[in-house]
């Protein structure tokens, strides 16, 4: 699934998956990939964007979400990012969530620009 998603990707910095699968080791074949978008398995209609770990590191990431977003939820994150359906940013900055695929894509693009 990851290989096919990479082949279909329009941007080398991220991969978009149609389902939540085990992708962590598969993305190691693509050193340019910084983020993966996937549907949340616990909440229908919610999408997550997760940072890709640096090869061989358990807690090191290639790129994290901005410090100003970390630990924010709902309205606070929406106000800071301008994304109306942003849900959360983990306090360590390695994952964000949104209520739509477009919202998740927008958060990702904003993070790439920082």
N, C-alpha and C. Protein backbone atom coordinates (compact mmCIF):
# COMPACT_ATOMS: atom_id res chain seq x y z
N UNK A 1 0.82 -1.19 0.00
CA UNK A 1 0.00 0.00 0.00
C UNK A 1 0.87 1.27 0.00
N UNK A 2 1.95 1.28 0.78
CA UNK A 2 2.81 2.45 0.85
C UNK A 2 3.49 2.69 -0.49
N UNK A 3 3.97 1.62 -1.13
CA UNK A 3 4.63 1.76 -2.43
C UNK A 3 3.69 2.36 -3.46
N UNK A 4 2.47 1.88 -3.52
CA UNK A 4 1.49 2.42 -4.46
C UNK A 4 1.18 3.88 -4.14
N UNK A 5 1.02 4.20 -2.88
CA UNK A 5 0.74 5.59 -2.47
C UNK A 5 1.89 6.50 -2.88
N UNK A 6 3.11 6.01 -2.73
CA UNK A 6 4.29 6.81 -3.11
C UNK A 6 4.31 7.04 -4.61
N UNK A 7 3.97 6.03 -5.38
CA UNK A 7 3.94 6.17 -6.84
C UNK A 7 2.89 7.18 -7.28
N UNK A 8 1.79 7.26 -6.55
CA UNK A 8 0.69 8.17 -6.89
C UNK A 8 0.85 9.55 -6.29
N UNK A 9 1.82 9.74 -5.42
CA UNK A 9 1.99 11.01 -4.71
C UNK A 9 2.34 12.13 -5.68
N UNK A 10 1.74 13.29 -5.44
CA UNK A 10 2.04 14.47 -6.25
C UNK A 10 3.13 15.32 -5.61
N UNK A 11 3.48 15.02 -4.38
CA UNK A 11 4.49 15.77 -3.65
C UNK A 11 5.43 14.76 -2.99
N UNK A 12 6.71 14.96 -3.11
CA UNK A 12 7.67 13.99 -2.57
C UNK A 12 7.77 14.02 -1.05
N UNK A 13 7.22 15.05 -0.40
CA UNK A 13 7.38 15.22 1.03
C UNK A 13 6.39 14.44 1.88
N UNK A 14 5.33 13.90 1.26
CA UNK A 14 4.33 13.19 2.05
C UNK A 14 3.63 12.11 1.23
N UNK A 15 3.08 11.16 1.99
CA UNK A 15 2.31 10.06 1.40
C UNK A 15 0.93 10.07 2.04
N UNK A 16 -0.07 9.85 1.23
CA UNK A 16 -1.45 9.79 1.71
C UNK A 16 -1.96 8.36 1.57
N UNK A 17 -2.38 7.78 2.67
CA UNK A 17 -2.88 6.40 2.68
C UNK A 17 -4.39 6.39 2.80
N UNK A 18 -5.02 5.42 2.15
CA UNK A 18 -6.48 5.32 2.19
C UNK A 18 -6.97 4.56 3.42
N UNK A 19 -6.04 3.91 4.11
CA UNK A 19 -6.40 3.22 5.35
C UNK A 19 -5.21 3.28 6.31
N UNK A 20 -5.50 3.05 7.56
CA UNK A 20 -4.44 3.06 8.57
C UNK A 20 -3.78 1.68 8.55
N UNK A 21 -2.56 1.64 8.07
CA UNK A 21 -1.83 0.37 8.01
C UNK A 21 -0.46 0.58 8.66
N UNK A 22 0.26 -0.47 8.80
CA UNK A 22 1.61 -0.39 9.35
C UNK A 22 2.54 0.15 8.26
N UNK A 23 2.90 1.41 8.36
CA UNK A 23 3.67 2.07 7.31
C UNK A 23 5.06 2.51 7.77
N UNK A 24 5.34 2.47 9.05
CA UNK A 24 6.56 3.04 9.59
C UNK A 24 7.84 2.51 8.94
N UNK A 25 7.93 1.21 8.77
CA UNK A 25 9.15 0.65 8.17
C UNK A 25 9.16 0.82 6.66
N UNK A 26 8.00 0.80 6.04
CA UNK A 26 7.93 0.91 4.59
C UNK A 26 8.39 2.27 4.09
N UNK A 27 8.18 3.34 4.86
CA UNK A 27 8.59 4.67 4.39
C UNK A 27 10.10 4.88 4.47
N UNK A 28 10.81 3.98 5.13
CA UNK A 28 12.27 4.10 5.19
C UNK A 28 12.88 4.02 3.80
N UNK A 29 12.16 3.42 2.84
CA UNK A 29 12.65 3.34 1.46
C UNK A 29 12.55 4.68 0.74
N UNK A 30 11.91 5.66 1.36
CA UNK A 30 11.68 6.97 0.73
C UNK A 30 12.22 8.07 1.64
N UNK A 31 13.49 8.39 1.55
CA UNK A 31 14.10 9.32 2.48
C UNK A 31 13.54 10.74 2.44
N UNK A 32 12.89 11.14 1.35
CA UNK A 32 12.32 12.49 1.26
C UNK A 32 10.99 12.62 1.99
N UNK A 33 10.32 11.52 2.29
CA UNK A 33 9.00 11.58 2.91
C UNK A 33 9.12 12.03 4.37
N UNK A 34 8.41 13.12 4.68
CA UNK A 34 8.43 13.69 6.03
C UNK A 34 7.16 13.39 6.81
N UNK A 35 6.03 13.22 6.11
CA UNK A 35 4.73 13.04 6.75
C UNK A 35 3.92 11.96 6.06
N UNK A 36 3.01 11.35 6.82
CA UNK A 36 2.04 10.40 6.28
C UNK A 36 0.66 10.82 6.77
N UNK A 37 -0.28 10.90 5.83
CA UNK A 37 -1.68 11.18 6.16
C UNK A 37 -2.44 9.87 6.09
N UNK A 38 -3.30 9.64 7.09
CA UNK A 38 -4.09 8.41 7.10
C UNK A 38 -5.37 8.64 7.91
N UNK A 39 -6.42 7.85 7.63
CA UNK A 39 -7.66 7.99 8.40
C UNK A 39 -7.49 7.43 9.82
N UNK A 40 -8.12 8.09 10.76
CA UNK A 40 -8.11 7.65 12.16
C UNK A 40 -9.00 6.42 12.27
N UNK A 41 -8.48 5.33 12.81
CA UNK A 41 -9.28 4.10 12.89
C UNK A 41 -10.34 4.16 13.98
N UNK A 42 -10.19 5.08 14.91
CA UNK A 42 -11.14 5.17 16.02
C UNK A 42 -12.28 6.14 15.76
N UNK A 43 -12.06 7.12 14.86
CA UNK A 43 -13.08 8.14 14.61
C UNK A 43 -13.28 8.33 13.11
N UNK A 44 -14.44 7.93 12.63
CA UNK A 44 -14.76 8.06 11.22
C UNK A 44 -14.75 9.52 10.80
N UNK A 45 -14.16 9.79 9.65
CA UNK A 45 -14.12 11.15 9.13
C UNK A 45 -12.97 11.99 9.65
N UNK A 46 -12.18 11.45 10.57
CA UNK A 46 -11.04 12.17 11.12
C UNK A 46 -9.77 11.64 10.45
N UNK A 47 -8.86 12.57 10.14
CA UNK A 47 -7.60 12.19 9.51
C UNK A 47 -6.45 12.69 10.37
N UNK A 48 -5.40 11.89 10.39
CA UNK A 48 -4.19 12.24 11.13
C UNK A 48 -3.05 12.47 10.15
N UNK A 49 -2.15 13.32 10.57
CA UNK A 49 -0.89 13.51 9.84
C UNK A 49 0.21 13.23 10.85
N UNK A 50 1.03 12.25 10.54
CA UNK A 50 2.08 11.87 11.47
C UNK A 50 3.44 12.12 10.84
N UNK A 51 4.36 12.57 11.66
CA UNK A 51 5.73 12.80 11.22
C UNK A 51 6.43 11.45 11.06
N UNK A 52 7.30 11.38 10.08
CA UNK A 52 8.07 10.16 9.83
C UNK A 52 9.33 10.18 10.69
N UNK A 53 9.58 9.07 11.34
CA UNK A 53 10.77 8.95 12.19
C UNK A 53 12.03 8.92 11.36
N UNK A 54 13.10 9.44 11.95
CA UNK A 54 14.40 9.30 11.33
C UNK A 54 14.78 7.83 11.35
N UNK A 55 15.44 7.38 10.34
CA UNK A 55 15.79 5.98 10.22
C UNK A 55 16.58 5.50 11.44
N UNK A 56 16.09 4.42 12.03
CA UNK A 56 16.77 3.82 13.16
C UNK A 56 16.55 4.49 14.50
N UNK A 57 15.72 5.53 14.55
CA UNK A 57 15.48 6.24 15.82
C UNK A 57 14.05 6.01 16.28
N UNK A 58 13.90 5.79 17.55
CA UNK A 58 12.58 5.54 18.12
C UNK A 58 11.80 6.84 18.31
N UNK A 59 12.46 7.89 18.76
CA UNK A 59 11.76 9.14 19.05
C UNK A 59 12.32 10.34 18.30
N UNK A 60 13.11 10.12 17.28
CA UNK A 60 13.62 11.23 16.47
C UNK A 60 12.81 11.32 15.18
N UNK A 61 12.42 12.52 14.81
CA UNK A 61 11.60 12.71 13.62
C UNK A 61 12.31 13.63 12.64
N UNK A 62 12.02 13.42 11.36
CA UNK A 62 12.64 14.23 10.31
C UNK A 62 12.19 15.69 10.41
N UNK A 63 10.92 15.89 10.72
CA UNK A 63 10.36 17.24 10.86
C UNK A 63 9.18 17.14 11.81
N UNK A 64 9.07 18.09 12.71
CA UNK A 64 7.96 18.13 13.66
C UNK A 64 7.02 19.28 13.30
N UNK A 65 5.84 19.26 13.87
CA UNK A 65 4.90 20.36 13.67
C UNK A 65 5.37 21.55 14.50
N UNK A 66 4.99 22.76 14.11
CA UNK A 66 5.49 23.97 14.77
C UNK A 66 5.25 24.00 16.28
N UNK A 67 6.19 24.59 16.99
CA UNK A 67 6.08 24.73 18.44
C UNK A 67 4.80 25.44 18.85
N UNK A 68 4.39 26.42 18.08
CA UNK A 68 3.19 27.21 18.42
C UNK A 68 1.92 26.38 18.39
N UNK A 69 1.94 25.22 17.73
CA UNK A 69 0.75 24.35 17.64
C UNK A 69 0.70 23.31 18.76
N UNK A 70 1.83 22.98 19.31
CA UNK A 70 1.95 21.82 20.19
C UNK A 70 1.09 21.93 21.44
N UNK A 71 0.32 20.88 21.66
CA UNK A 71 -0.54 20.80 22.83
C UNK A 71 -1.88 21.51 22.66
N UNK A 72 -2.10 22.14 21.51
CA UNK A 72 -3.36 22.86 21.29
C UNK A 72 -4.43 21.92 20.75
N UNK A 73 -5.68 22.27 21.07
CA UNK A 73 -6.83 21.49 20.60
C UNK A 73 -7.94 22.42 20.12
N UNK A 74 -8.73 21.89 19.21
CA UNK A 74 -9.96 22.53 18.75
C UNK A 74 -9.77 24.02 18.44
N UNK A 75 -10.56 24.88 19.07
CA UNK A 75 -10.58 26.30 18.71
C UNK A 75 -9.21 26.96 18.82
N UNK A 76 -8.44 26.61 19.83
CA UNK A 76 -7.11 27.21 19.98
C UNK A 76 -6.21 26.86 18.80
N UNK A 77 -6.23 25.61 18.38
CA UNK A 77 -5.43 25.20 17.23
C UNK A 77 -6.00 25.81 15.95
N UNK A 78 -7.30 25.86 15.84
CA UNK A 78 -7.95 26.46 14.67
C UNK A 78 -7.57 27.93 14.53
N UNK A 79 -7.55 28.65 15.64
CA UNK A 79 -7.18 30.06 15.62
C UNK A 79 -5.72 30.26 15.19
N UNK A 80 -4.84 29.42 15.69
CA UNK A 80 -3.41 29.55 15.39
C UNK A 80 -3.10 29.17 13.94
N UNK A 81 -3.76 28.11 13.43
CA UNK A 81 -3.44 27.61 12.09
C UNK A 81 -4.32 28.20 10.99
N UNK A 82 -5.53 28.65 11.35
CA UNK A 82 -6.49 29.09 10.35
C UNK A 82 -7.22 27.94 9.69
N UNK A 83 -7.04 26.72 10.19
CA UNK A 83 -7.70 25.54 9.64
C UNK A 83 -8.96 25.29 10.48
N UNK A 84 -10.16 25.49 9.89
CA UNK A 84 -11.39 25.47 10.68
C UNK A 84 -11.77 24.13 11.29
N UNK A 85 -11.22 23.04 10.80
CA UNK A 85 -11.56 21.74 11.38
C UNK A 85 -10.37 21.04 12.03
N UNK A 86 -9.33 21.81 12.35
CA UNK A 86 -8.18 21.24 13.07
C UNK A 86 -8.65 20.76 14.44
N UNK A 87 -8.18 19.58 14.85
CA UNK A 87 -8.61 18.99 16.12
C UNK A 87 -7.57 19.06 17.22
N UNK A 88 -6.33 18.70 16.91
CA UNK A 88 -5.31 18.64 17.94
C UNK A 88 -3.92 18.59 17.32
N UNK A 89 -2.96 18.97 18.14
CA UNK A 89 -1.56 18.72 17.84
C UNK A 89 -0.97 18.15 19.11
N UNK A 90 -0.35 17.01 19.02
CA UNK A 90 0.27 16.38 20.19
C UNK A 90 1.28 17.34 20.80
N UNK A 91 1.42 17.29 22.09
CA UNK A 91 2.32 18.24 22.77
C UNK A 91 3.80 18.03 22.42
N UNK A 92 4.14 16.90 21.85
CA UNK A 92 5.51 16.66 21.38
C UNK A 92 5.67 17.02 19.90
N UNK A 93 4.55 17.33 19.21
CA UNK A 93 4.61 17.82 17.84
C UNK A 93 4.76 16.78 16.75
N UNK A 94 4.48 15.51 17.03
CA UNK A 94 4.69 14.49 16.00
C UNK A 94 3.41 14.04 15.29
N UNK A 95 2.24 14.52 15.72
CA UNK A 95 1.00 14.14 15.05
C UNK A 95 -0.03 15.25 15.24
N UNK A 96 -0.82 15.47 14.18
CA UNK A 96 -1.95 16.39 14.24
C UNK A 96 -3.17 15.68 13.69
N UNK A 97 -4.34 16.22 13.97
CA UNK A 97 -5.57 15.65 13.45
C UNK A 97 -6.51 16.73 12.97
N UNK A 98 -7.38 16.36 12.02
CA UNK A 98 -8.39 17.27 11.48
C UNK A 98 -9.64 16.46 11.14
N UNK A 99 -10.76 17.15 11.05
CA UNK A 99 -12.05 16.51 10.76
C UNK A 99 -12.28 16.26 9.28
N UNK A 100 -11.31 16.55 8.44
CA UNK A 100 -11.44 16.29 7.01
C UNK A 100 -10.07 16.02 6.41
N UNK A 101 -10.08 15.37 5.28
CA UNK A 101 -8.83 15.12 4.57
C UNK A 101 -8.22 16.44 4.13
N UNK A 102 -9.05 17.36 3.65
CA UNK A 102 -8.53 18.66 3.22
C UNK A 102 -7.91 19.42 4.39
N UNK A 103 -8.54 19.35 5.55
CA UNK A 103 -7.98 19.99 6.73
C UNK A 103 -6.62 19.41 7.10
N UNK A 104 -6.50 18.09 7.03
CA UNK A 104 -5.23 17.43 7.31
C UNK A 104 -4.17 17.84 6.29
N UNK A 105 -4.55 17.90 5.03
CA UNK A 105 -3.61 18.34 3.98
C UNK A 105 -3.15 19.77 4.23
N UNK A 106 -4.07 20.63 4.65
CA UNK A 106 -3.72 22.02 4.90
C UNK A 106 -2.75 22.15 6.06
N UNK A 107 -3.00 21.40 7.15
CA UNK A 107 -2.06 21.41 8.27
C UNK A 107 -0.67 20.95 7.82
N UNK A 108 -0.63 19.92 7.02
CA UNK A 108 0.64 19.40 6.52
C UNK A 108 1.37 20.47 5.70
N UNK A 109 0.64 21.11 4.79
CA UNK A 109 1.28 22.13 3.94
C UNK A 109 1.80 23.31 4.77
N UNK A 110 1.03 23.71 5.77
CA UNK A 110 1.47 24.78 6.67
C UNK A 110 2.76 24.37 7.40
N UNK A 111 2.81 23.13 7.84
CA UNK A 111 4.00 22.64 8.54
C UNK A 111 5.22 22.61 7.61
N UNK A 112 5.01 22.27 6.36
CA UNK A 112 6.11 22.25 5.41
C UNK A 112 6.68 23.65 5.18
N UNK A 113 5.83 24.66 5.30
CA UNK A 113 6.26 26.03 5.07
C UNK A 113 6.96 26.67 6.26
N UNK A 114 6.99 25.95 7.39
CA UNK A 114 7.63 26.53 8.59
C UNK A 114 9.03 25.99 8.78
